[in-house]
Protein backbone atom coordinates (compact mmCIF):
# COMPACT_ATOMS: atom_id res chain seq x y z
CA MET A 1 -5.52 -3.41 19.99
CA ASP A 2 -8.13 -1.19 18.39
CA ASN A 3 -7.65 1.50 21.00
CA GLN A 4 -9.10 4.76 19.81
CA GLN A 5 -11.86 4.76 22.39
CA GLY A 6 -11.49 4.87 26.14
CA GLU A 7 -8.51 5.53 28.35
CA THR A 8 -5.06 4.35 27.36
CA PRO A 9 -2.08 3.95 29.72
CA GLN A 10 0.36 6.83 29.75
CA GLY A 11 3.25 6.05 27.41
CA ALA A 12 6.83 5.68 28.59
CA LEU A 13 7.78 8.86 26.71
CA SER A 14 4.74 10.86 27.74
CA GLY A 15 5.68 14.47 28.42
CA LEU A 16 8.28 14.66 25.65
CA ARG A 17 7.60 16.89 22.66
CA ILE A 18 9.23 16.00 19.33
CA ILE A 19 9.30 18.37 16.35
CA ASP A 20 9.45 16.07 13.34
CA LEU A 21 10.83 17.45 10.05
CA THR A 22 11.46 14.00 8.59
CA ARG A 23 10.23 12.53 5.34
CA VAL A 24 9.75 9.14 3.70
CA LEU A 25 11.21 6.32 5.86
CA ALA A 26 14.37 6.54 8.02
CA GLY A 27 13.32 9.60 10.01
CA PRO A 28 9.59 8.83 10.14
CA PHE A 29 10.40 5.31 11.42
CA CYS A 30 12.24 6.92 14.34
CA THR A 31 9.50 9.40 15.18
CA MET A 32 6.86 6.68 14.75
CA MET A 33 8.58 4.66 17.47
CA LEU A 34 8.79 7.71 19.74
CA ALA A 35 5.11 8.47 19.15
CA ASP A 36 4.06 4.87 19.74
CA MET A 37 5.85 5.05 23.10
CA GLY A 38 3.86 8.11 24.12
CA ALA A 39 5.84 11.16 22.98
CA GLU A 40 3.92 14.08 21.48
CA VAL A 41 5.20 14.18 17.91
CA ILE A 42 4.40 17.24 15.80
CA LYS A 43 5.09 16.45 12.15
CA VAL A 44 5.96 19.57 10.15
CA GLU A 45 5.25 19.28 6.42
CA GLU A 46 5.56 21.53 3.38
CA PRO A 47 2.34 23.47 2.72
CA GLY A 48 0.32 22.12 -0.18
CA LYS A 49 2.53 19.06 -0.71
CA GLY A 50 3.52 17.32 2.48
CA ASP A 51 5.80 14.35 2.95
CA ASP A 52 6.74 12.72 -0.38
CA SER A 53 5.44 9.40 0.93
CA ARG A 54 1.87 10.73 0.89
CA HIS A 55 2.11 9.95 -2.82
CA PHE A 56 3.59 6.44 -2.48
CA ALA A 57 1.51 3.31 -3.22
CA PRO A 58 -0.35 1.30 -2.05
CA PHE A 59 -3.41 3.50 -1.61
CA ARG A 60 -6.73 3.08 0.20
CA ASN A 61 -9.41 5.59 -0.81
CA GLY A 62 -6.67 7.87 -2.14
CA GLU A 63 -4.63 7.73 1.08
CA SER A 64 -1.13 6.24 1.10
CA ALA A 65 -0.76 3.16 3.31
CA TYR A 66 3.00 3.83 3.26
CA TYR A 67 2.41 7.21 4.89
CA MET A 68 -0.34 6.01 7.22
CA ASN A 69 1.79 3.21 8.66
CA LEU A 70 4.80 5.41 9.48
CA ASN A 71 2.97 8.51 10.68
CA ARG A 72 0.31 7.22 13.06
CA ASN A 73 0.11 8.83 16.50
CA LYS A 74 1.50 12.13 15.16
CA LYS A 75 -0.01 15.58 15.01
CA GLY A 76 0.36 17.19 11.60
CA VAL A 77 1.08 20.84 10.82
CA THR A 78 2.27 22.67 7.73
CA LEU A 79 4.99 25.32 7.71
CA ASN A 80 7.22 26.96 5.14
CA LEU A 81 10.58 27.17 6.93
CA LYS A 82 11.58 30.28 4.98
CA GLY A 83 10.50 33.87 5.66
CA LYS A 84 7.94 34.21 8.44
CA GLY A 85 7.97 30.46 8.89
CA ARG A 86 11.51 30.53 10.24
CA ALA A 87 10.52 32.65 13.23
CA ILE A 88 7.48 30.45 13.88
CA PHE A 89 9.67 27.35 13.80
CA LEU A 90 12.09 28.84 16.31
CA GLU A 91 9.16 29.50 18.63
CA LEU A 92 8.13 25.84 18.29
CA VAL A 93 11.66 24.74 19.09
CA LYS A 94 11.60 26.67 22.35
CA THR A 95 8.78 24.35 23.51
CA ALA A 96 10.42 21.12 22.30
CA ASP A 97 12.61 18.40 23.76
CA VAL A 98 13.74 16.98 20.43
CA VAL A 99 13.98 18.01 16.77
CA VAL A 100 14.48 15.26 14.19
CA GLU A 101 15.35 15.85 10.51
CA ASN A 102 16.65 13.78 7.61
CA TYR A 103 17.74 16.44 5.15
CA ARG A 104 21.12 16.36 3.45
CA PRO A 105 23.77 17.85 5.79
CA GLY A 106 23.90 21.64 5.53
CA THR A 107 20.27 22.08 4.44
CA MET A 108 19.07 23.24 7.85
CA ASP A 109 22.07 25.59 8.14
CA LYS A 110 21.14 27.20 4.81
CA LEU A 111 17.68 27.84 6.22
CA GLY A 112 19.23 29.46 9.28
CA LEU A 113 17.88 26.61 11.40
CA GLY A 114 20.95 24.43 11.96
CA TYR A 115 21.79 22.83 15.29
CA GLU A 116 23.86 25.75 16.62
CA THR A 117 20.99 28.15 15.93
CA LEU A 118 18.42 25.90 17.58
CA LYS A 119 20.75 25.23 20.51
CA ALA A 120 20.99 28.98 21.12
CA VAL A 121 17.22 29.26 21.62
CA ASN A 122 16.91 25.94 23.50
CA PRO A 123 20.13 24.66 25.13
CA ARG A 124 18.32 21.54 26.38
CA LEU A 125 17.34 20.51 22.87
CA VAL A 126 18.32 17.09 21.51
CA TYR A 127 18.78 17.34 17.74
CA GLY A 128 18.55 14.09 15.77
CA ALA A 129 19.88 14.11 12.19
CA VAL A 130 19.71 11.17 9.77
CA SER A 131 21.46 11.34 6.40
CA GLY A 132 23.07 9.06 3.87
CA PHE A 133 26.68 9.54 4.96
CA GLY A 134 26.51 11.56 8.18
CA ASP A 135 27.56 15.10 9.00
CA THR A 136 31.33 14.60 8.67
CA GLY A 137 33.68 13.17 6.06
CA PRO A 138 34.27 13.61 2.33
CA TYR A 139 30.96 11.96 1.31
CA ARG A 140 28.75 14.03 3.63
CA LEU A 141 26.99 15.93 0.80
CA ARG A 142 26.24 12.88 -1.33
CA PRO A 143 22.55 12.00 -1.62
CA GLY A 144 21.54 9.05 0.50
CA TYR A 145 18.79 6.51 -0.11
CA ASP A 146 18.30 3.02 1.22
CA ILE A 147 19.84 1.35 -1.81
CA ILE A 148 22.88 3.65 -1.48
CA GLY A 149 23.31 2.66 2.16
CA GLN A 150 23.00 -1.05 1.41
CA ALA A 151 25.47 -0.79 -1.47
CA MET A 152 28.10 1.44 0.16
CA GLY A 153 27.75 -0.29 3.53
CA GLY A 154 28.70 -3.69 2.10
CA LEU A 155 25.39 -5.46 2.72
CA MET A 156 24.55 -6.00 -0.96
CA SER A 157 27.96 -7.50 -1.73
CA THR A 158 27.27 -10.45 0.56
CA THR A 159 23.53 -10.87 -0.11
CA GLY A 160 22.41 -13.25 -2.85
CA TRP A 161 23.50 -16.56 -4.30
CA PRO A 162 26.97 -17.75 -5.33
CA GLY A 163 27.72 -16.54 -8.83
CA GLY A 164 24.70 -14.22 -8.79
CA GLU A 165 24.38 -10.46 -8.69
CA PRO A 166 24.71 -8.50 -5.42
CA THR A 167 21.21 -8.25 -3.98
CA ARG A 168 19.36 -5.55 -2.10
CA SER A 169 17.44 -6.75 0.94
CA GLY A 170 13.76 -7.15 0.07
CA THR A 171 12.84 -4.29 2.38
CA ALA A 172 14.58 -0.97 3.02
CA MET A 173 16.86 -2.27 5.76
CA GLY A 174 19.32 0.63 5.45
CA ASP A 175 16.56 3.12 6.24
CA VAL A 176 15.12 0.98 9.03
CA LEU A 177 18.52 0.42 10.64
CA ALA A 178 19.18 4.17 10.53
CA GLY A 179 15.75 4.87 12.02
CA LEU A 180 16.41 2.47 14.86
CA SER A 181 19.88 3.92 15.40
CA VAL A 182 18.79 7.55 15.64
CA THR A 183 16.01 6.53 18.04
CA ILE A 184 18.56 4.88 20.34
CA GLY A 185 20.83 7.91 20.06
CA ILE A 186 18.02 10.33 20.90
CA LEU A 187 16.99 8.34 23.97
CA ALA A 188 20.63 8.22 25.14
CA ALA A 189 20.98 11.98 24.60
CA LEU A 190 17.78 12.61 26.56
CA ARG A 191 19.17 10.56 29.45
CA HIS A 192 22.33 12.70 29.39
CA ARG A 193 20.28 15.88 29.20
CA ASP A 194 18.17 14.88 32.19
CA GLN A 195 21.38 14.36 34.17
CA THR A 196 23.26 17.48 33.02
CA GLY A 197 20.70 19.87 31.54
CA GLU A 198 22.60 19.92 28.24
CA GLY A 199 21.25 18.83 24.89
CA GLN A 200 23.37 17.57 22.01
CA LYS A 201 23.31 16.54 18.36
CA VAL A 202 22.76 12.92 17.33
CA ASP A 203 24.39 12.28 13.93
CA VAL A 204 23.37 9.02 12.21
CA ALA A 205 24.27 7.83 8.71
CA LEU A 206 22.49 5.15 6.70
CA VAL A 207 25.86 3.77 5.60
CA ASP A 208 27.24 3.60 9.16
CA SER A 209 24.07 1.84 10.32
CA VAL A 210 24.45 -0.80 7.62
CA VAL A 211 28.16 -1.28 8.40
CA ALA A 212 27.34 -1.78 12.09
CA SER A 213 24.87 -4.54 11.15
CA LEU A 214 27.39 -6.61 9.20
CA GLU A 215 28.65 -8.32 12.36
CA ILE A 216 30.76 -11.38 11.38
CA ILE A 217 31.06 -10.29 7.74
CA THR A 218 33.59 -7.53 8.36
CA GLN A 219 35.37 -9.60 11.00
CA ILE A 220 36.03 -12.38 8.47
CA TYR A 221 37.99 -9.96 6.34
CA LEU A 222 39.63 -8.03 9.18
CA THR A 223 40.69 -11.20 10.99
CA ASP A 224 41.44 -13.68 8.19
CA GLY A 225 41.94 -11.44 5.19
CA ARG A 226 39.29 -13.45 3.33
CA LEU A 227 36.78 -11.53 1.24
CA PRO A 228 33.26 -12.71 2.21
CA GLU A 229 31.23 -13.92 -0.77
CA ARG A 230 27.54 -14.37 -1.45
CA ILE A 231 26.50 -17.68 0.09
CA GLY A 232 22.71 -17.71 -0.21
CA ASN A 233 20.82 -18.45 3.00
CA ARG A 234 23.48 -20.37 4.85
CA TYR A 235 25.64 -18.94 7.64
CA GLU A 236 29.41 -18.64 7.67
CA SER A 237 29.94 -20.04 11.16
CA CYS A 238 27.78 -23.16 11.49
CA TYR A 239 25.89 -25.79 9.48
CA PRO A 240 23.21 -26.89 8.80
CA TYR A 241 22.00 -23.32 9.27
CA ASP A 242 20.22 -22.77 5.98
CA SER A 243 16.99 -22.93 3.99
CA PHE A 244 15.68 -26.23 2.67
CA ARG A 245 13.00 -27.05 0.08
CA ALA A 246 9.76 -28.67 1.21
CA ASN A 247 7.07 -29.97 -1.12
CA ASP A 248 5.01 -26.76 -0.80
CA GLY A 249 7.56 -24.06 -0.04
CA SER A 250 10.72 -23.63 1.99
CA MET A 251 11.75 -23.90 5.63
CA VAL A 252 14.84 -23.08 7.65
CA ILE A 253 16.82 -25.17 10.08
CA GLY A 254 19.24 -23.60 12.57
CA ALA A 255 21.48 -26.41 13.88
CA ALA A 256 24.29 -24.35 15.35
CA ASN A 257 26.14 -27.06 17.34
CA ASP A 258 26.95 -30.77 17.44
CA LYS A 259 24.01 -31.68 19.68
CA LEU A 260 21.52 -30.11 17.29
CA TRP A 261 23.21 -31.79 14.32
CA HIS A 262 22.73 -35.16 16.00
CA LEU A 263 19.03 -34.37 16.48
CA VAL A 264 18.68 -33.37 12.81
CA CYS A 265 20.19 -36.72 11.81
CA GLN A 266 17.61 -38.52 13.94
CA VAL A 267 14.69 -36.56 12.46
CA ILE A 268 15.70 -37.17 8.84
CA GLY A 269 16.21 -40.87 9.48
CA ARG A 270 19.98 -40.79 9.00
CA PRO A 271 21.40 -41.27 12.53
CA GLU A 272 24.64 -42.66 11.10
CA LEU A 273 25.54 -39.22 9.73
CA ALA A 274 26.13 -37.92 13.27
CA ALA A 275 29.22 -40.12 13.60
CA ASP A 276 30.36 -39.72 9.99
CA GLU A 277 33.92 -38.40 10.10
CA ARG A 278 33.11 -35.98 7.28
CA PHE A 279 30.49 -34.20 9.40
CA ASP A 280 31.29 -34.90 13.06
CA THR A 281 32.43 -31.36 13.93
CA ASN A 282 30.97 -27.98 13.09
CA PRO A 283 34.01 -26.74 11.09
CA LYS A 284 33.79 -29.88 8.94
CA ARG A 285 30.09 -29.33 8.35
CA VAL A 286 30.69 -25.71 7.35
CA GLU A 287 33.38 -26.85 4.93
CA ARG A 288 31.18 -29.63 3.47
CA HIS A 289 27.87 -27.76 3.48
CA ALA A 290 27.30 -28.63 -0.19
CA ASP A 291 27.34 -32.33 0.70
CA ILE A 292 25.00 -31.94 3.67
CA LYS A 293 22.26 -29.85 2.06
CA PRO A 294 21.01 -32.56 -0.37
CA LEU A 295 21.02 -35.12 2.45
CA VAL A 296 18.69 -32.92 4.50
CA GLU A 297 16.57 -31.92 1.50
CA ALA A 298 16.02 -35.56 0.61
CA TRP A 299 13.89 -35.60 3.76
CA THR A 300 12.40 -32.07 3.77
CA SER A 301 11.28 -32.32 0.14
CA ARG A 302 9.02 -35.25 1.05
CA HIS A 303 7.13 -33.16 3.58
CA SER A 304 5.15 -29.94 3.67
CA VAL A 305 6.68 -26.90 5.29
CA ASP A 306 4.49 -27.24 8.36
CA GLU A 307 5.17 -30.98 8.69
CA GLY A 308 8.93 -30.46 8.41
CA VAL A 309 9.00 -27.60 10.88
CA GLU A 310 6.85 -29.42 13.43
CA ALA A 311 9.02 -32.53 13.24
CA MET A 312 12.18 -30.51 13.81
CA LEU A 313 10.67 -28.48 16.66
CA ALA A 314 9.33 -31.64 18.32
CA ALA A 315 12.89 -32.98 18.40
CA GLY A 316 14.27 -29.73 19.82
CA VAL A 317 15.81 -28.42 16.58
CA PRO A 318 15.35 -24.68 15.85
CA SER A 319 13.24 -24.45 12.69
CA ALA A 320 10.69 -22.18 11.06
CA PRO A 321 8.69 -21.75 7.88
CA ILE A 322 9.83 -19.14 5.39
CA ASN A 323 6.58 -17.26 5.70
CA THR A 324 5.02 -15.60 2.73
CA ILE A 325 3.30 -12.39 3.76
CA ASP A 326 -0.17 -13.95 3.59
CA ARG A 327 0.97 -16.50 6.18
CA LEU A 328 2.71 -13.87 8.27
CA VAL A 329 -0.30 -11.61 8.75
CA LYS A 330 -2.41 -14.58 9.91
CA ASP A 331 0.17 -16.18 12.19
CA PRO A 332 -1.43 -16.74 15.63
CA HIS A 333 1.73 -15.86 17.53
CA ILE A 334 3.00 -12.90 15.49
CA ALA A 335 -0.28 -11.32 14.41
CA LYS A 336 -2.44 -12.17 17.41
CA ALA A 337 -0.46 -12.84 20.58
CA ARG A 338 2.30 -10.34 19.77
CA GLN A 339 -0.12 -7.85 18.16
CA MET A 340 2.18 -7.09 15.24
CA PHE A 341 -0.77 -6.20 13.01
CA VAL A 342 -3.27 -3.74 14.42
CA ASP A 343 -6.59 -2.44 13.12
CA ILE A 344 -7.26 1.29 13.19
CA GLU A 345 -9.95 3.55 11.74
CA HIS A 346 -8.76 6.32 9.39
CA PRO A 347 -11.22 9.15 8.57
CA LYS A 348 -10.63 8.83 4.80
CA ALA A 349 -9.11 5.40 4.25
CA GLY A 350 -11.55 3.65 6.57
CA ARG A 351 -10.57 0.60 8.55
CA MET A 352 -6.87 -0.14 8.05
CA THR A 353 -4.45 -2.74 9.33
CA LEU A 354 -1.05 -1.30 10.28
CA THR A 355 2.14 -2.87 11.57
CA GLY A 356 2.13 -2.84 15.36
CA ALA A 357 4.82 -1.64 17.77
CA HIS A 358 7.58 -4.24 18.07
CA ILE A 359 8.93 -3.09 21.44
CA LYS A 360 6.74 -4.40 24.25
CA LEU A 361 6.74 -2.61 27.61
CA THR A 362 4.80 -4.14 30.50
CA ALA A 363 3.90 -0.99 32.44
CA THR A 364 3.59 1.47 29.53
CA PRO A 365 2.79 -0.54 26.40
CA PRO A 366 3.28 1.33 23.10
CA GLU A 367 -0.03 1.77 21.32
CA ILE A 368 -1.51 3.11 18.10
CA ARG A 369 -3.77 5.77 19.55
CA MET A 370 -4.72 7.75 16.46
CA PRO A 371 -4.33 7.55 12.69
CA SER A 372 -1.85 9.54 10.62
CA PRO A 373 -2.79 13.22 10.23
CA GLU A 374 -4.28 14.84 7.18
CA LEU A 375 -2.04 17.56 5.77
CA GLY A 376 -2.12 20.49 8.21
CA GLN A 377 -4.82 18.83 10.33
CA HIS A 378 -3.52 20.19 13.63
CA ASN A 379 -2.46 23.69 12.54
CA ARG A 380 -5.04 25.49 14.69
CA GLU A 381 -4.46 23.25 17.70
CA VAL A 382 -0.66 23.39 17.68
CA TYR A 383 -0.14 27.02 16.70
CA GLY A 384 -2.97 28.11 18.95
CA GLU A 385 -2.05 26.16 22.07
CA LEU A 386 1.76 26.34 21.84
CA LEU A 387 2.29 29.74 20.26
CA GLY A 388 -0.93 31.52 21.21
CA LEU A 389 -1.93 32.38 17.63
CA SER A 390 -5.58 33.21 17.07
CA GLU A 391 -7.72 31.50 14.43
CA ALA A 392 -7.56 34.69 12.39
CA GLU A 393 -3.76 34.75 12.55
CA VAL A 394 -3.56 31.08 11.52
CA ALA A 395 -5.93 31.77 8.61
CA GLN A 396 -3.86 34.78 7.52
CA LEU A 397 -0.62 32.77 7.61
CA ARG A 398 -2.28 30.05 5.56
CA ALA A 399 -3.41 32.62 3.01
CA GLU A 400 0.16 33.92 2.77
CA GLY A 401 1.53 30.42 2.11
CA VAL A 402 3.39 30.28 5.44
CA LEU A 403 1.19 27.43 6.66
């Protein structure tokens, strides 16, 4: 999928223009998805500094891989949103379909660029806002980061091992969930706009996004009044649905019903367990999970991860290795067939491997068409073509610190 040369199919979102004021992860993840699907995304950064993530490790030839992964397919401009920059931004908004920002609520209003102001110059505009706690409620002005979202949203309280400390997910799931959520909201708002001609504001909170992901966890408390606890890798509703030690790592087994439990018993050489009155229904297995796990691990621990997984899959039992990242990036299905790791050439970093687009469309496949922009790389192109500024005017604005 090294597709910087030659013609590429028109993306599903081709023809949409997104003005991207976002920084770091939640917002850039949203605009990355929109760009991968063909939208023209113009990333607006602070002159001389840019997105904070430009300075986040790991680096390749001085360029941040964090930034490069999340900001591919975007055009990059610089603009100080105060003073002369405010008027320039309003002119950009007149040409746009969507504006996305992830400032703390009220920041854009203080700049004189809040939703009501932008709506006045472009009534069709869809305005996507991502923040820690959303634009309403008593916590709206609190700072929001991924770890805040995971903590306040309840995810950390149920992640980890019995008796252990609450645990943050190994990746920034709060940010990613919020990025996915605002993307969905923007696409829904665009559908409404195309039907009615009216834009609207999409208000997404990291905390809300985490809460929405909890699924059965909140229902356990709301239905039964039982406070969910940390239970490691097992699942509340069925067993064996857990991780198990092999002799060279760990694997998972997802036996979510009686039929699959019977198959597990066959694979591990203990067919009599299927009829054992202690384990013959799913509720009993959930209740006696601590008795079942060592019975299964007595078998898995004698095999390698791959041997154990293959034996389970051959019998029709859902199973998978717990992939370390070195295994993941070489996996023939994930990395190759599904193109989840894609090579691209960056002018400074050189040849890089980025995470591919995870949404596959048959007629308009998302693609990585160009690398992330250097700071202000497209100033002349964007301000010249969209706003009609001459090279001399762009140079003067740069000299004044506007660009």
